[in-house]
Amino acid sequence: MREHTVDESNHYLYRIQPTRHEMLTEGTTPEEAEIIGEHFAYLQRLTAEGVAILVGRTLTIDQDSMGIVIFTARSEDEARALMEADPAVSKGVMSAKLFPFRIVLQTATNDHNVGIQIGAEER
C-alpha cells in the first residue's frame, strides 16, 4: 500500500444528520426527496470542482447515522459558507456541524474508486 503525507492546506469536515430521523426509517417525503437530490447535485459539483475531497455516509439508520464531507477552503468563514450553502442544510433537512480537519495520510492514488457513483443508494 502506497501512502504519502498531505500538505497543510486548509481542510474542513462537516457532518450532517437528518433533522427528521424517520426519513431514514420510513422514507423521505416528496419535499425531502427533492432537497436530497439538490444536496447530491451540490456535492457532485463540489467534487468535480476539486473542492470536496471525500463525501460519504454511514450505512446505519439509527440516531448515530451521519454523512461527512471533507473539503478544502481558504478560511473557516468560507468553509462555513460552503456548508451552509448545502441545500439539505439551508432547507433544514439536515443539521450540520463544521470541524477544522487535518488529513495526515492519504493514498497516492484512489484507483480503487471508479469515479463518482450516481444512484439512489448513494443519496
PDB file of N, CA and C in Angstrom:
ATOM      1  N   MET A   1       0.841  -1.179   0.000  1.00  0.00           N
ATOM      2  CA  MET A   1       0.000   0.000   0.000  1.00  0.00           C
ATOM      3  C   MET A   1       0.883   1.238   0.000  1.00  0.00           C
ATOM      4  N   ARG A   2       0.650   2.123  -0.973  1.00  0.00           N
ATOM      5  CA  ARG A   2       1.411   3.366  -1.047  1.00  0.00           C
ATOM      6  C   ARG A   2       0.674   4.469  -0.309  1.00  0.00           C
ATOM      7  N   GLU A   3       1.391   5.170   0.532  1.00  0.00           N
ATOM      8  CA  GLU A   3       0.817   6.306   1.234  1.00  0.00           C
ATOM      9  C   GLU A   3       1.767   7.472   1.109  1.00  0.00           C
ATOM     10  N   HIS A   4       1.256   8.663   1.288  1.00  0.00           N
ATOM     11  CA  HIS A   4       2.127   9.822   1.347  1.00  0.00           C
ATOM     12  C   HIS A   4       1.509  10.827   2.300  1.00  0.00           C
ATOM     13  N   THR A   5       2.338  11.693   2.821  1.00  0.00           N
ATOM     14  CA  THR A   5       1.809  12.724   3.696  1.00  0.00           C
ATOM     15  C   THR A   5       1.179  13.808   2.851  1.00  0.00           C
ATOM     16  N   VAL A   6       0.269  14.527   3.445  1.00  0.00           N
ATOM     17  CA  VAL A   6      -0.507  15.532   2.731  1.00  0.00           C
ATOM     18  C   VAL A   6      -0.058  16.903   3.193  1.00  0.00           C
ATOM     19  N   ASP A   7      -0.090  17.877   2.289  1.00  0.00           N
ATOM     20  CA  ASP A   7       0.317  19.238   2.637  1.00  0.00           C
ATOM     21  C   ASP A   7      -0.622  19.834   3.684  1.00  0.00           C
ATOM     22  N   GLU A   8      -0.275  20.988   4.156  1.00  0.00           N
ATOM     23  CA  GLU A   8      -1.018  21.642   5.229  1.00  0.00           C
ATOM     24  C   GLU A   8      -2.111  22.577   4.700  1.00  0.00           C
ATOM     25  N   SER A   9      -2.793  22.221   3.639  1.00  0.00           N
ATOM     26  CA  SER A   9      -3.909  23.015   3.136  1.00  0.00           C
ATOM     27  C   SER A   9      -4.978  23.132   4.213  1.00  0.00           C
ATOM     28  N   ASN A  10      -5.868  24.103   4.040  1.00  0.00           N
ATOM     29  CA  ASN A  10      -6.980  24.244   4.974  1.00  0.00           C
ATOM     30  C   ASN A  10      -8.054  23.236   4.623  1.00  0.00           C
ATOM     31  N   HIS A  11      -8.146  22.202   5.407  1.00  0.00           N
ATOM     32  CA  HIS A  11      -9.172  21.192   5.217  1.00  0.00           C
ATOM     33  C   HIS A  11     -10.212  21.326   6.315  1.00  0.00           C
ATOM     34  N   TYR A  12     -11.427  20.989   5.960  1.00  0.00           N
ATOM     35  CA  TYR A  12     -12.537  21.020   6.906  1.00  0.00           C
ATOM     36  C   TYR A  12     -13.385  19.786   6.684  1.00  0.00           C
ATOM     37  N   LEU A  13     -14.146  19.450   7.694  1.00  0.00           N
ATOM     38  CA  LEU A  13     -15.103  18.361   7.623  1.00  0.00           C
ATOM     39  C   LEU A  13     -16.426  18.905   8.125  1.00  0.00           C
ATOM     40  N   TYR A  14     -17.494  18.630   7.403  1.00  0.00           N
ATOM     41  CA  TYR A  14     -18.787  18.878   8.021  1.00  0.00           C
ATOM     42  C   TYR A  14     -19.566  17.587   8.075  1.00  0.00           C
ATOM     43  N   ARG A  15     -20.211  17.432   9.222  1.00  0.00           N
ATOM     44  CA  ARG A  15     -21.020  16.244   9.497  1.00  0.00           C
ATOM     45  C   ARG A  15     -22.482  16.659   9.383  1.00  0.00           C
ATOM     46  N   ILE A  16     -23.247  15.864   8.683  1.00  0.00           N
ATOM     47  CA  ILE A  16     -24.678  16.144   8.574  1.00  0.00           C
ATOM     48  C   ILE A  16     -25.470  14.967   9.119  1.00  0.00           C
ATOM     49  N   GLN A  17     -26.603  15.316   9.721  1.00  0.00           N
ATOM     50  CA  GLN A  17     -27.522  14.305  10.237  1.00  0.00           C
ATOM     51  C   GLN A  17     -28.944  14.758   9.937  1.00  0.00           C
ATOM     52  N   PRO A  18     -29.828  13.813   9.650  1.00  0.00           N
ATOM     53  CA  PRO A  18     -31.207  14.186   9.339  1.00  0.00           C
ATOM     54  C   PRO A  18     -31.870  14.899  10.523  1.00  0.00           C
ATOM     55  N   THR A  19     -32.645  15.915  10.217  1.00  0.00           N
ATOM     56  CA  THR A  19     -33.391  16.594  11.276  1.00  0.00           C
ATOM     57  C   THR A  19     -34.646  15.803  11.634  1.00  0.00           C
ATOM     58  N   ARG A  20     -35.091  14.960  10.717  1.00  0.00           N
ATOM     59  CA  ARG A  20     -36.246  14.083  10.965  1.00  0.00           C
ATOM     60  C   ARG A  20     -35.765  12.650  10.791  1.00  0.00           C
ATOM     61  N   HIS A  21     -35.534  11.962  11.908  1.00  0.00           N
ATOM     62  CA  HIS A  21     -34.959  10.618  11.871  1.00  0.00           C
ATOM     63  C   HIS A  21     -35.795   9.640  11.049  1.00  0.00           C
ATOM     64  N   GLU A  22     -37.086   9.817  11.035  1.00  0.00           N
ATOM     65  CA  GLU A  22     -37.969   8.914  10.280  1.00  0.00           C
ATOM     66  C   GLU A  22     -37.658   8.920   8.782  1.00  0.00           C
ATOM     67  N   MET A  23     -36.958   9.944   8.339  1.00  0.00           N
ATOM     68  CA  MET A  23     -36.548   9.981   6.939  1.00  0.00           C
ATOM     69  C   MET A  23     -35.718   8.741   6.601  1.00  0.00           C
ATOM     70  N   LEU A  24     -34.943   8.254   7.570  1.00  0.00           N
ATOM     71  CA  LEU A  24     -34.111   7.074   7.351  1.00  0.00           C
ATOM     72  C   LEU A  24     -34.884   5.775   7.549  1.00  0.00           C
ATOM     73  N   THR A  25     -35.818   5.771   8.471  1.00  0.00           N
ATOM     74  CA  THR A  25     -36.508   4.526   8.819  1.00  0.00           C
ATOM     75  C   THR A  25     -37.797   4.305   8.043  1.00  0.00           C
ATOM     76  N   GLU A  26     -38.464   5.399   7.663  1.00  0.00           N
ATOM     77  CA  GLU A  26     -39.754   5.277   6.978  1.00  0.00           C
ATOM     78  C   GLU A  26     -39.728   5.810   5.555  1.00  0.00           C
ATOM     79  N   GLY A  27     -38.679   6.517   5.200  1.00  0.00           N
ATOM     80  CA  GLY A  27     -38.554   7.077   3.864  1.00  0.00           C
ATOM     81  C   GLY A  27     -38.736   8.582   3.858  1.00  0.00           C
ATOM     82  N   THR A  28     -38.385   9.173   2.740  1.00  0.00           N
ATOM     83  CA  THR A  28     -38.451  10.623   2.610  1.00  0.00           C
ATOM     84  C   THR A  28     -39.834  11.067   2.149  1.00  0.00           C
ATOM     85  N   THR A  29     -40.179  12.276   2.512  1.00  0.00           N
ATOM     86  CA  THR A  29     -41.361  12.905   1.941  1.00  0.00           C
ATOM     87  C   THR A  29     -40.975  13.371   0.538  1.00  0.00           C
ATOM     88  N   PRO A  30     -41.945  13.683  -0.306  1.00  0.00           N
ATOM     89  CA  PRO A  30     -41.591  14.194  -1.643  1.00  0.00           C
ATOM     90  C   PRO A  30     -40.697  15.448  -1.565  1.00  0.00           C
ATOM     91  N   GLU A  31     -40.978  16.348  -0.631  1.00  0.00           N
ATOM     92  CA  GLU A  31     -40.158  17.556  -0.486  1.00  0.00           C
ATOM     93  C   GLU A  31     -38.728  17.201  -0.051  1.00  0.00           C
ATOM     94  N   GLU A  32     -38.600  16.290   0.918  1.00  0.00           N
ATOM     95  CA  GLU A  32     -37.269  15.863   1.356  1.00  0.00           C
ATOM     96  C   GLU A  32     -36.502  15.212   0.212  1.00  0.00           C
ATOM     97  N   ALA A  33     -37.177  14.370  -0.560  1.00  0.00           N
ATOM     98  CA  ALA A  33     -36.516  13.695  -1.686  1.00  0.00           C
ATOM     99  C   ALA A  33     -35.984  14.719  -2.685  1.00  0.00           C
ATOM    100  N   GLU A  34     -36.761  15.749  -2.969  1.00  0.00           N
ATOM    101  CA  GLU A  34     -36.315  16.789  -3.891  1.00  0.00           C
ATOM    102  C   GLU A  34     -35.088  17.519  -3.336  1.00  0.00           C
ATOM    103  N   ILE A  35     -35.117  17.836  -2.061  1.00  0.00           N
ATOM    104  CA  ILE A  35     -33.993  18.547  -1.434  1.00  0.00           C
ATOM    105  C   ILE A  35     -32.759  17.661  -1.377  1.00  0.00           C
ATOM    106  N   ILE A  36     -32.935  16.375  -1.105  1.00  0.00           N
ATOM    107  CA  ILE A  36     -31.793  15.447  -1.085  1.00  0.00           C
ATOM    108  C   ILE A  36     -31.177  15.360  -2.481  1.00  0.00           C
ATOM    109  N   GLY A  37     -31.989  15.406  -3.511  1.00  0.00           N
ATOM    110  CA  GLY A  37     -31.469  15.443  -4.883  1.00  0.00           C
ATOM    111  C   GLY A  37     -30.629  16.683  -5.137  1.00  0.00           C
ATOM    112  N   GLU A  38     -31.101  17.836  -4.641  1.00  0.00           N
ATOM    113  CA  GLU A  38     -30.339  19.084  -4.766  1.00  0.00           C
ATOM    114  C   GLU A  38     -29.026  18.986  -3.984  1.00  0.00           C
ATOM    115  N   HIS A  39     -29.098  18.392  -2.805  1.00  0.00           N
ATOM    116  CA  HIS A  39     -27.925  18.183  -1.946  1.00  0.00           C
ATOM    117  C   HIS A  39     -26.889  17.332  -2.689  1.00  0.00           C
ATOM    118  N   PHE A  40     -27.341  16.242  -3.304  1.00  0.00           N
ATOM    119  CA  PHE A  40     -26.424  15.357  -4.019  1.00  0.00           C
ATOM    120  C   PHE A  40     -25.788  16.083  -5.203  1.00  0.00           C
ATOM    121  N   ALA A  41     -26.581  16.850  -5.953  1.00  0.00           N
ATOM    122  CA  ALA A  41     -26.046  17.610  -7.088  1.00  0.00           C
ATOM    123  C   ALA A  41     -25.023  18.644  -6.612  1.00  0.00           C
ATOM    124  N   TYR A  42     -25.283  19.284  -5.485  1.00  0.00           N
ATOM    125  CA  TYR A  42     -24.358  20.269  -4.911  1.00  0.00           C
ATOM    126  C   TYR A  42     -23.023  19.593  -4.583  1.00  0.00           C
ATOM    127  N   LEU A  43     -23.086  18.430  -3.953  1.00  0.00           N
ATOM    128  CA  LEU A  43     -21.846  17.732  -3.582  1.00  0.00           C
ATOM    129  C   LEU A  43     -21.127  17.185  -4.821  1.00  0.00           C
ATOM    130  N   GLN A  44     -21.880  16.775  -5.831  1.00  0.00           N
ATOM    131  CA  GLN A  44     -21.241  16.357  -7.088  1.00  0.00           C
ATOM    132  C   GLN A  44     -20.461  17.517  -7.687  1.00  0.00           C
ATOM    133  N   ARG A  45     -21.057  18.706  -7.682  1.00  0.00           N
ATOM    134  CA  ARG A  45     -20.391  19.891  -8.241  1.00  0.00           C
ATOM    135  C   ARG A  45     -19.130  20.211  -7.461  1.00  0.00           C
ATOM    136  N   LEU A  46     -19.206  20.202  -6.123  1.00  0.00           N
ATOM    137  CA  LEU A  46     -18.017  20.488  -5.311  1.00  0.00           C
ATOM    138  C   LEU A  46     -16.917  19.459  -5.565  1.00  0.00           C
ATOM    139  N   THR A  47     -17.314  18.210  -5.779  1.00  0.00           N
ATOM    140  CA  THR A  47     -16.328  17.162  -6.059  1.00  0.00           C
ATOM    141  C   THR A  47     -15.695  17.389  -7.430  1.00  0.00           C
ATOM    142  N   ALA A  48     -16.506  17.682  -8.430  1.00  0.00           N
ATOM    143  CA  ALA A  48     -15.991  17.928  -9.781  1.00  0.00           C
ATOM    144  C   ALA A  48     -15.065  19.139  -9.817  1.00  0.00           C
ATOM    145  N   GLU A  49     -15.335  20.138  -8.982  1.00  0.00           N
ATOM    146  CA  GLU A  49     -14.505  21.340  -8.921  1.00  0.00           C
ATOM    147  C   GLU A  49     -13.236  21.135  -8.097  1.00  0.00           C
ATOM    148  N   GLY A  50     -13.093  19.975  -7.462  1.00  0.00           N
ATOM    149  CA  GLY A  50     -11.909  19.701  -6.652  1.00  0.00           C
ATOM    150  C   GLY A  50     -11.972  20.295  -5.260  1.00  0.00           C
ATOM    151  N   VAL A  51     -13.125  20.796  -4.854  1.00  0.00           N
ATOM    152  CA  VAL A  51     -13.284  21.354  -3.502  1.00  0.00           C
ATOM    153  C   VAL A  51     -13.519  20.228  -2.503  1.00  0.00           C
ATOM    154  N   ALA A  52     -14.463  19.351  -2.803  1.00  0.00           N
ATOM    155  CA  ALA A  52     -14.752  18.205  -1.942  1.00  0.00           C
ATOM    156  C   ALA A  52     -13.733  17.111  -2.232  1.00  0.00           C
ATOM    157  N   ILE A  53     -13.140  16.593  -1.178  1.00  0.00           N
ATOM    158  CA  ILE A  53     -12.138  15.536  -1.287  1.00  0.00           C
ATOM    159  C   ILE A  53     -12.781  14.173  -1.091  1.00  0.00           C
ATOM    160  N   LEU A  54     -13.699  14.094  -0.143  1.00  0.00           N
ATOM    161  CA  LEU A  54     -14.369  12.843   0.184  1.00  0.00           C
ATOM    162  C   LEU A  54     -15.778  13.169   0.659  1.00  0.00           C
ATOM    163  N   VAL A  55     -16.742  12.447   0.137  1.00  0.00           N
ATOM    164  CA  VAL A  55     -18.137  12.605   0.534  1.00  0.00           C
ATOM    165  C   VAL A  55     -18.693  11.211   0.764  1.00  0.00           C
ATOM    166  N   GLY A  56     -19.352  11.008   1.890  1.00  0.00           N
ATOM    167  CA  GLY A  56     -19.932   9.692   2.152  1.00  0.00           C
ATOM    168  C   GLY A  56     -20.864   9.721   3.340  1.00  0.00           C
ATOM    169  N   ARG A  57     -21.452   8.563   3.599  1.00  0.00           N
ATOM    170  CA  ARG A  57     -22.376   8.444   4.722  1.00  0.00           C
ATOM    171  C   ARG A  57     -22.284   7.070   5.334  1.00  0.00           C
ATOM    172  N   THR A  58     -22.728   6.989   6.566  1.00  0.00           N
ATOM    173  CA  THR A  58     -22.793   5.685   7.220  1.00  0.00           C
ATOM    174  C   THR A  58     -23.951   4.911   6.614  1.00  0.00           C
ATOM    175  N   LEU A  59     -23.906   3.612   6.745  1.00  0.00           N
ATOM    176  CA  LEU A  59     -24.978   2.772   6.213  1.00  0.00           C
ATOM    177  C   LEU A  59     -25.950   2.348   7.305  1.00  0.00           C
ATOM    178  N   THR A  60     -25.901   3.039   8.426  1.00  0.00           N
ATOM    179  CA  THR A  60     -26.789   2.753   9.536  1.00  0.00           C
ATOM    180  C   THR A  60     -28.022   3.648   9.453  1.00  0.00           C
ATOM    181  N   ILE A  61     -29.058   3.266  10.181  1.00  0.00           N
ATOM    182  CA  ILE A  61     -30.274   4.091  10.206  1.00  0.00           C
ATOM    183  C   ILE A  61     -30.676   4.452  11.634  1.00  0.00           C
ATOM    184  N   ASP A  62     -29.737   4.321  12.560  1.00  0.00           N
ATOM    185  CA  ASP A  62     -30.035   4.697  13.946  1.00  0.00           C
ATOM    186  C   ASP A  62     -29.738   6.176  14.158  1.00  0.00           C
ATOM    187  N   GLN A  63     -29.833   6.631  15.391  1.00  0.00           N
ATOM    188  CA  GLN A  63     -29.632   8.046  15.714  1.00  0.00           C
ATOM    189  C   GLN A  63     -28.210   8.534  15.410  1.00  0.00           C
ATOM    190  N   ASP A  64     -27.257   7.612  15.308  1.00  0.00           N
ATOM    191  CA  ASP A  64     -25.864   7.994  15.026  1.00  0.00           C
ATOM    192  C   ASP A  64     -25.573   8.103  13.534  1.00  0.00           C
ATOM    193  N   SER A  65     -26.537   7.786  12.689  1.00  0.00           N
ATOM    194  CA  SER A  65     -26.328   7.860  11.246  1.00  0.00           C
ATOM    195  C   SER A  65     -25.894   9.263  10.854  1.00  0.00           C
ATOM    196  N   MET A  66     -24.940   9.342   9.920  1.00  0.00           N
ATOM    197  CA  MET A  66     -24.429  10.655   9.504  1.00  0.00           C
ATOM    198  C   MET A  66     -23.766  10.569   8.145  1.00  0.00           C
ATOM    199  N   GLY A  67     -23.597  11.718   7.564  1.00  0.00           N
ATOM    200  CA  GLY A  67     -22.805  11.873   6.363  1.00  0.00           C
ATOM    201  C   GLY A  67     -21.661  12.812   6.680  1.00  0.00           C
ATOM    202  N   ILE A  68     -20.590  12.714   5.904  1.00  0.00           N
ATOM    203  CA  ILE A  68     -19.462  13.629   6.085  1.00  0.00           C
ATOM    204  C   ILE A  68     -19.010  14.153   4.726  1.00  0.00           C
ATOM    205  N   VAL A  69     -18.490  15.356   4.770  1.00  0.00           N
ATOM    206  CA  VAL A  69     -17.874  15.972   3.604  1.00  0.00           C
ATOM    207  C   VAL A  69     -16.533  16.510   4.069  1.00  0.00           C
ATOM    208  N   ILE A  70     -15.447  16.038   3.481  1.00  0.00           N
ATOM    209  CA  ILE A  70     -14.113  16.571   3.750  1.00  0.00           C
ATOM    210  C   ILE A  70     -13.751  17.410   2.535  1.00  0.00           C
ATOM    211  N   PHE A  71     -13.355  18.655   2.781  1.00  0.00           N
ATOM    212  CA  PHE A  71     -13.170  19.597   1.681  1.00  0.00           C
ATOM    213  C   PHE A  71     -12.121  20.645   2.024  1.00  0.00           C
ATOM    214  N   THR A  72     -11.736  21.408   1.020  1.00  0.00           N
ATOM    215  CA  THR A  72     -10.774  22.489   1.201  1.00  0.00           C
ATOM    216  C   THR A  72     -11.500  23.828   1.148  1.00  0.00           C
ATOM    217  N   ALA A  73     -10.971  24.769   1.899  1.00  0.00           N
ATOM    218  CA  ALA A  73     -11.484  26.142   1.883  1.00  0.00           C
ATOM    219  C   ALA A  73     -10.354  27.055   2.319  1.00  0.00           C
ATOM    220  N   ARG A  74     -10.431  28.312   1.914  1.00  0.00           N
ATOM    221  CA  ARG A  74      -9.373  29.267   2.254  1.00  0.00           C
ATOM    222  C   ARG A  74      -9.450  29.739   3.701  1.00  0.00           C
ATOM    223  N   SER A  75     -10.637  29.649   4.298  1.00  0.00           N
ATOM    224  CA  SER A  75     -10.801  30.126   5.670  1.00  0.00           C
ATOM    225  C   SER A  75     -11.979  29.405   6.313  1.00  0.00           C
ATOM    226  N   GLU A  76     -12.091  29.550   7.614  1.00  0.00           N
ATOM    227  CA  GLU A  76     -13.229  28.955   8.310  1.00  0.00           C
ATOM    228  C   GLU A  76     -14.538  29.612   7.859  1.00  0.00           C
ATOM    229  N   ASP A  77     -14.505  30.907   7.595  1.00  0.00           N
ATOM    230  CA  ASP A  77     -15.704  31.589   7.103  1.00  0.00           C
ATOM    231  C   ASP A  77     -16.156  31.013   5.759  1.00  0.00           C
ATOM    232  N   GLU A  78     -15.196  30.781   4.860  1.00  0.00           N
ATOM    233  CA  GLU A  78     -15.531  30.190   3.568  1.00  0.00           C
ATOM    234  C   GLU A  78     -16.050  28.763   3.757  1.00  0.00           C
ATOM    235  N   ALA A  79     -15.428  28.009   4.661  1.00  0.00           N
ATOM    236  CA  ALA A  79     -15.874  26.639   4.928  1.00  0.00           C
ATOM    237  C   ALA A  79     -17.310  26.633   5.454  1.00  0.00           C
ATOM    238  N   ARG A  80     -17.598  27.532   6.378  1.00  0.00           N
ATOM    239  CA  ARG A  80     -18.951  27.616   6.935  1.00  0.00           C
ATOM    240  C   ARG A  80     -19.956  27.989   5.837  1.00  0.00           C
ATOM    241  N   ALA A  81     -19.572  28.909   4.961  1.00  0.00           N
ATOM    242  CA  ALA A  81     -20.456  29.318   3.870  1.00  0.00           C
ATOM    243  C   ALA A  81     -20.743  28.140   2.928  1.00  0.00           C
ATOM    244  N   LEU A  82     -19.720  27.330   2.619  1.00  0.00           N
ATOM    245  CA  LEU A  82     -19.915  26.153   1.769  1.00  0.00           C
ATOM    246  C   LEU A  82     -20.863  25.161   2.428  1.00  0.00           C
ATOM    247  N   MET A  83     -20.688  24.946   3.724  1.00  0.00           N
ATOM    248  CA  MET A  83     -21.552  24.022   4.460  1.00  0.00           C
ATOM    249  C   MET A  83     -22.987  24.542   4.470  1.00  0.00           C
ATOM    250  N   GLU A  84     -23.154  25.819   4.764  1.00  0.00           N
ATOM    251  CA  GLU A  84     -24.488  26.399   4.866  1.00  0.00           C
ATOM    252  C   GLU A  84     -25.175  26.530   3.516  1.00  0.00           C
ATOM    253  N   ALA A  85     -24.399  26.497   2.423  1.00  0.00           N
ATOM    254  CA  ALA A  85     -24.978  26.545   1.074  1.00  0.00           C
ATOM    255  C   ALA A  85     -25.488  25.184   0.612  1.00  0.00           C
ATOM    256  N   ASP A  86     -25.146  24.128   1.330  1.00  0.00           N
ATOM    257  CA  ASP A  86     -25.652  22.796   1.004  1.00  0.00           C
ATOM    258  C   ASP A  86     -27.175  22.844   1.132  1.00  0.00           C
ATOM    259  N   PRO A  87     -27.910  22.530   0.073  1.00  0.00           N
ATOM    260  CA  PRO A  87     -29.369  22.629   0.146  1.00  0.00           C
ATOM    261  C   PRO A  87     -30.002  21.827   1.280  1.00  0.00           C
ATOM    262  N   ALA A  88     -29.444  20.673   1.621  1.00  0.00           N
ATOM    263  CA  ALA A  88     -30.012  19.885   2.716  1.00  0.00           C
ATOM    264  C   ALA A  88     -29.882  20.625   4.045  1.00  0.00           C
ATOM    265  N   VAL A  89     -28.833  21.419   4.176  1.00  0.00           N
ATOM    266  CA  VAL A  89     -28.612  22.206   5.393  1.00  0.00           C
ATOM    267  C   VAL A  89     -29.449  23.479   5.347  1.00  0.00           C
ATOM    268  N   SER A  90     -29.347  24.219   4.243  1.00  0.00           N
ATOM    269  CA  SER A  90     -30.042  25.508   4.158  1.00  0.00           C
ATOM    270  C   SER A  90     -31.560  25.350   4.188  1.00  0.00           C
ATOM    271  N   LYS A  91     -32.064  24.190   3.742  1.00  0.00           N
ATOM    272  CA  LYS A  91     -33.515  23.970   3.724  1.00  0.00           C
ATOM    273  C   LYS A  91     -33.999  23.131   4.901  1.00  0.00           C
ATOM    274  N   GLY A  92     -33.098  22.867   5.867  1.00  0.00           N
ATOM    275  CA  GLY A  92     -33.496  22.251   7.129  1.00  0.00           C
ATOM    276  C   GLY A  92     -33.722  20.758   7.143  1.00  0.00           C
ATOM    277  N   VAL A  93     -33.339  20.047   6.076  1.00  0.00           N
ATOM    278  CA  VAL A  93     -33.499  18.596   6.063  1.00  0.00           C
ATOM    279  C   VAL A  93     -32.385  17.919   6.876  1.00  0.00           C
ATOM    280  N   MET A  94     -31.223  18.565   6.922  1.00  0.00           N
ATOM    281  CA  MET A  94     -30.085  18.051   7.684  1.00  0.00           C
ATOM    282  C   MET A  94     -29.571  19.142   8.618  1.00  0.00           C
ATOM    283  N   SER A  95     -29.121  18.711   9.783  1.00  0.00           N
ATOM    284  CA  SER A  95     -28.374  19.619  10.642  1.00  0.00           C
ATOM    285  C   SER A  95     -26.901  19.377  10.342  1.00  0.00           C
ATOM    286  N   ALA A  96     -26.074  20.382  10.527  1.00  0.00           N
ATOM    287  CA  ALA A  96     -24.663  20.251  10.168  1.00  0.00           C
ATOM    288  C   ALA A  96     -23.776  20.856  11.241  1.00  0.00           C
ATOM    289  N   LYS A  97     -22.583  20.277  11.362  1.00  0.00           N
ATOM    290  CA  LYS A  97     -21.579  20.807  12.271  1.00  0.00           C
ATOM    291  C   LYS A  97     -20.244  20.814  11.539  1.00  0.00           C
ATOM    292  N   LEU A  98     -19.522  21.934  11.648  1.00  0.00           N
ATOM    293  CA  LEU A  98     -18.252  22.131  10.953  1.00  0.00           C
ATOM    294  C   LEU A  98     -17.083  21.857  11.894  1.00  0.00           C
ATOM    295  N   PHE A  99     -16.054  21.196  11.368  1.00  0.00           N
ATOM    296  CA  PHE A  99     -14.836  20.907  12.116  1.00  0.00           C
ATOM    297  C   PHE A  99     -13.620  21.262  11.264  1.00  0.00           C
ATOM    298  N   PRO A 100     -12.612  21.944  11.833  1.00  0.00           N
ATOM    299  CA  PRO A 100     -11.322  22.009  11.138  1.00  0.00           C
ATOM    300  C   PRO A 100     -10.799  20.572  11.075  1.00  0.00           C
ATOM    301  N   PHE A 101     -10.112  20.225  10.014  1.00  0.00           N
ATOM    302  CA  PHE A 101      -9.715  18.831   9.820  1.00  0.00           C
ATOM    303  C   PHE A 101      -8.329  18.775   9.215  1.00  0.00           C
ATOM    304  N   ARG A 102      -7.538  17.825   9.649  1.00  0.00           N
ATOM    305  CA  ARG A 102      -6.209  17.621   9.066  1.00  0.00           C
ATOM    306  C   ARG A 102      -6.131  16.215   8.512  1.00  0.00           C
ATOM    307  N   ILE A 103      -5.842  16.123   7.222  1.00  0.00           N
ATOM    308  CA  ILE A 103      -5.567  14.827   6.600  1.00  0.00           C
ATOM    309  C   ILE A 103      -4.108  14.526   6.878  1.00  0.00           C
ATOM    310  N   VAL A 104      -3.861  13.414   7.515  1.00  0.00           N
ATOM    311  CA  VAL A 104      -2.493  13.060   7.898  1.00  0.00           C
ATOM    312  C   VAL A 104      -1.874  12.112   6.880  1.00  0.00           C
ATOM    313  N   LEU A 105      -2.602  11.094   6.480  1.00  0.00           N
ATOM    314  CA  LEU A 105      -2.134  10.140   5.470  1.00  0.00           C
ATOM    315  C   LEU A 105      -3.226   9.954   4.434  1.00  0.00           C
ATOM    316  N   GLN A 106      -2.776   9.779   3.207  1.00  0.00           N
ATOM    317  CA  GLN A 106      -3.718   9.564   2.111  1.00  0.00           C
ATOM    318  C   GLN A 106      -3.025   8.709   1.079  1.00  0.00           C
ATOM    319  N   THR A 107      -3.754   7.806   0.445  1.00  0.00           N
ATOM    320  CA  THR A 107      -3.133   7.013  -0.602  1.00  0.00           C
ATOM    321  C   THR A 107      -2.705   7.933  -1.731  1.00  0.00           C
ATOM    322  N   ALA A 108      -1.665   7.542  -2.423  1.00  0.00           N
ATOM    323  CA  ALA A 108      -1.145   8.362  -3.515  1.00  0.00           C
ATOM    324  C   ALA A 108      -2.162   8.488  -4.636  1.00  0.00           C
ATOM    325  N   THR A 109      -2.926   7.438  -4.883  1.00  0.00           N
ATOM    326  CA  THR A 109      -3.987   7.479  -5.885  1.00  0.00           C
ATOM    327  C   THR A 109      -5.212   6.820  -5.296  1.00  0.00           C
ATOM    328  N   ASN A 110      -6.318   7.097  -5.886  1.00  0.00           N
ATOM    329  CA  ASN A 110      -7.561   6.465  -5.464  1.00  0.00           C
ATOM    330  C   ASN A 110      -8.054   5.529  -6.558  1.00  0.00           C
ATOM    331  N   ASP A 111      -7.153   4.666  -7.061  1.00  0.00           N
ATOM    332  CA  ASP A 111      -7.512   3.760  -8.145  1.00  0.00           C
ATOM    333  C   ASP A 111      -8.669   2.840  -7.777  1.00  0.00           C
ATOM    334  N   HIS A 112      -8.852   2.588  -6.479  1.00  0.00           N
ATOM    335  CA  HIS A 112      -9.923   1.698  -6.064  1.00  0.00           C
ATOM    336  C   HIS A 112     -11.290   2.358  -6.192  1.00  0.00           C
ATOM    337  N   ASN A 113     -11.321   3.663  -6.405  1.00  0.00           N
ATOM    338  CA  ASN A 113     -12.582   4.370  -6.640  1.00  0.00           C
ATOM    339  C   ASN A 113     -12.730   4.600  -8.131  1.00  0.00           C
ATOM    340  N   VAL A 114     -13.872   4.274  -8.666  1.00  0.00           N
ATOM    341  CA  VAL A 114     -14.091   4.399 -10.099  1.00  0.00           C
ATOM    342  C   VAL A 114     -14.980   5.612 -10.359  1.00  0.00           C
ATOM    343  N   GLY A 115     -14.534   6.773  -9.964  1.00  0.00           N
ATOM    344  CA  GLY A 115     -15.284   7.992 -10.216  1.00  0.00           C
ATOM    345  C   GLY A 115     -16.444   8.178  -9.270  1.00  0.00           C
ATOM    346  N   ILE A 116     -17.313   9.067  -9.636  1.00  0.00           N
ATOM    347  CA  ILE A 116     -18.481   9.385  -8.820  1.00  0.00           C
ATOM    348  C   ILE A 116     -19.578   8.403  -9.160  1.00  0.00           C
ATOM    349  N   GLN A 117     -20.078   7.697  -8.150  1.00  0.00           N
ATOM    350  CA  GLN A 117     -21.172   6.774  -8.383  1.00  0.00           C
ATOM    351  C   GLN A 117     -22.473   7.528  -8.188  1.00  0.00           C
ATOM    352  N   ILE A 118     -23.360   7.361  -9.125  1.00  0.00           N
ATOM    353  CA  ILE A 118     -24.642   8.044  -9.072  1.00  0.00           C
ATOM    354  C   ILE A 118     -25.732   6.988  -8.980  1.00  0.00           C
ATOM    355  N   GLY A 119     -26.568   7.148  -7.993  1.00  0.00           N
ATOM    356  CA  GLY A 119     -27.695   6.214  -7.844  1.00  0.00           C
ATOM    357  C   GLY A 119     -28.399   6.469  -6.542  1.00  0.00           C
ATOM    358  N   ALA A 120     -29.579   5.935  -6.417  1.00  0.00           N
ATOM    359  CA  ALA A 120     -30.382   6.158  -5.220  1.00  0.00           C
ATOM    360  C   ALA A 120     -29.667   5.642  -3.976  1.00  0.00           C
ATOM    361  N   GLU A 121     -28.897   4.557  -4.106  1.00  0.00           N
ATOM    362  CA  GLU A 121     -28.204   4.013  -2.949  1.00  0.00           C
ATOM    363  C   GLU A 121     -27.102   4.939  -2.438  1.00  0.00           C
ATOM    364  N   GLU A 122     -26.641   5.870  -3.261  1.00  0.00           N
ATOM    365  CA  GLU A 122     -25.593   6.790  -2.856  1.00  0.00           C
ATOM    366  C   GLU A 122     -26.159   8.069  -2.245  1.00  0.00           C
ATOM    367  N   ARG A 123     -27.441   8.280  -2.338  1.00  0.00           N
ATOM    368  CA  ARG A 123     -28.047   9.506  -1.828  1.00  0.00           C
ATOM    369  C   ARG A 123     -28.284   9.443  -0.370  1.00  0.00           C
TER     370      ARG A 123
END
